[in-house]
Every structure is written in structure tokens, then in C-alpha cells.
């Protein structure tokens, strides 16, 4: 359960960095953290280290415009083009192998 909570927190904090906004993730039992718009951790506190911990963190109110926020389709498009090029390369290799085989009479 602890690993799942930490992973979920890390994913949310990474999403804040790629989206260009600050995020404060408060938790009662777990890892509380504050991240600025550039993805830098400004402060964190774990309830497992000290149960009565108070986290005070200064976060900016304004976000920044990131490449992902401007053009969110670029990464999936690049992935699709990479997969398409790999499929075309394998099809071309299969076609060349078929032509290279001698005809059976």
C-alpha cells in the first residue's frame, strides 16, 4: 500500500511539472509534497517519519507554459511514427527475404 501511495504521488508531481503548474499534495497518512511549475520539489514531509509533521511550503500561483501544454499531440505522434517506421522496416525486410529465396520447381 505504501509503494502504491508513493507511486501515485510521484506520478501526480510529474504531471504538474509537465503541465506547468504548481501542485500541493496533502495527505493524512503518506508523503505530502509541494512542487513548483518547473517540477522542482519545494518541500515534502512524510507521516511515517514523524506523525505530527506540519509542512509549510511557498508555491507560486502562476504556472508556466510548457511544450507539452502547447502541443500535447507531439509525443503521441512521435511514438506513432516510430512504431509505423518499425513496421514498415520489418515489412521491407520480409519482402526482401521472400525475393531472395530461390523458386521451388
Protein backbone atom coordinates (compact mmCIF):
# COMPACT_ATOMS: atom_id res chain seq x y z
CA UNK A 1 0.00 0.00 0.00
CA UNK A 2 2.85 2.36 0.82
CA UNK A 3 4.52 1.79 -2.54
CA UNK A 4 1.27 2.48 -4.38
CA UNK A 5 0.74 5.73 -2.49
CA UNK A 6 4.29 6.89 -3.19
CA UNK A 7 3.98 5.98 -6.87
CA UNK A 8 0.67 7.81 -7.20
CA UNK A 9 2.22 10.86 -5.56
CA UNK A 10 5.23 10.76 -7.86
CA UNK A 11 3.00 10.49 -10.94
CA UNK A 12 0.89 13.47 -9.88
CA UNK A 13 4.00 15.53 -9.18
CA UNK A 14 5.46 14.64 -12.58
CA UNK A 15 2.17 15.61 -14.25
CA UNK A 16 2.35 19.00 -12.54
CA UNK A 17 5.83 19.54 -13.94
CA UNK A 18 4.87 18.64 -17.49
CA UNK A 19 1.67 20.68 -17.29
CA UNK A 20 3.48 23.74 -15.96
CA UNK A 21 1.51 24.26 -12.74
CA UNK A 22 2.35 24.11 -9.07
CA UNK A 23 0.87 21.31 -7.00
CA UNK A 24 0.43 20.79 -3.30
CA UNK A 25 -0.36 17.17 -2.43
CA UNK A 26 -1.55 16.96 1.17
CA UNK A 27 -2.02 13.56 2.76
CA UNK A 28 -3.03 12.42 6.20
CA UNK A 29 -1.04 9.20 6.11
CA UNK A 30 1.68 9.28 3.50
CA UNK A 31 4.00 11.67 1.72
CA UNK A 32 2.85 15.29 1.47
CA UNK A 33 4.72 17.38 -1.08
CA UNK A 34 4.74 20.74 -2.79
CA UNK A 35 6.12 21.08 -6.33
CA UNK A 36 6.58 24.26 -8.35
CA UNK A 37 5.70 24.74 -12.03
CA UNK A 38 9.13 23.50 -13.16
CA UNK A 39 8.78 20.17 -11.36
CA UNK A 40 11.16 21.02 -8.52
CA UNK A 41 10.16 19.72 -5.09
CA UNK A 42 9.87 22.77 -2.81
CA UNK A 43 9.04 20.78 0.31
CA UNK A 44 7.95 17.36 1.47
CA UNK A 45 7.01 15.68 4.71
CA UNK A 46 6.35 12.05 5.48
CA UNK A 47 3.80 10.94 8.04
CA UNK A 48 5.86 7.79 8.53
CA UNK A 49 8.92 9.69 9.80
CA UNK A 50 7.08 11.91 12.29
CA UNK A 51 3.31 11.51 12.73
CA UNK A 52 2.70 15.11 13.83
CA UNK A 53 4.52 16.87 10.99
CA UNK A 54 3.41 20.20 9.53
CA UNK A 55 4.50 21.09 6.01
CA UNK A 56 4.85 24.76 5.14
CA UNK A 57 5.83 25.42 1.55
CA UNK A 58 5.81 28.55 -0.61
CA UNK A 59 4.46 27.80 -4.11
CA UNK A 60 3.96 30.23 -6.99
CA UNK A 61 0.39 30.96 -8.03
CA UNK A 62 1.16 31.32 -11.73
CA UNK A 63 2.24 28.45 -13.88
CA UNK A 64 4.48 28.36 -16.92
CA UNK A 65 3.70 27.34 -20.48
CA UNK A 66 5.50 24.11 -21.36
CA UNK A 67 6.00 22.41 -24.70
CA UNK A 68 3.62 19.66 -23.61
CA UNK A 69 0.94 22.22 -22.73
CA UNK A 70 1.34 23.97 -26.09
CA UNK A 71 1.37 20.86 -28.26
CA UNK A 72 0.17 17.80 -26.32
CA UNK A 73 -0.12 15.79 -29.54
CA UNK A 74 3.63 15.82 -30.36
CA UNK A 75 4.71 12.97 -28.08
CA UNK A 76 1.95 10.53 -29.14
CA UNK A 77 2.55 11.49 -32.78
CA UNK A 78 6.27 10.81 -32.44
CA UNK A 79 5.52 7.43 -30.84
CA UNK A 80 3.08 6.53 -33.63
CA UNK A 81 5.63 7.49 -36.30
CA UNK A 82 8.29 5.41 -34.58
CA UNK A 83 6.02 2.35 -34.49
CA UNK A 84 4.98 2.89 -38.11
CA UNK A 85 8.60 3.15 -39.25
CA UNK A 86 9.48 -0.07 -37.38
CA UNK A 87 6.55 -1.89 -39.01
CA UNK A 88 7.50 -0.63 -42.47
CA UNK A 89 11.11 -1.67 -41.92
CA UNK A 90 10.08 -5.19 -40.94
CA UNK A 91 7.72 -5.44 -43.92
CA UNK A 92 10.52 -4.31 -46.23
CA UNK A 93 12.89 -6.91 -44.75
CA UNK A 94 10.28 -9.67 -45.15
CA UNK A 95 9.72 -8.66 -48.78
CA UNK A 96 13.46 -8.74 -49.50
CA UNK A 97 13.81 -12.17 -47.87
CA UNK A 98 10.93 -13.51 -49.95
CA UNK A 99 12.52 -12.23 -53.17
CA UNK A 100 15.92 -13.65 -52.21
CA UNK A 101 14.60 -17.21 -51.79
CA UNK A 102 15.07 -19.40 -54.86
CA UNK A 103 11.93 -20.55 -56.59
CA UNK A 104 10.96 -24.16 -55.86
CA UNK A 105 10.06 -26.09 -59.00
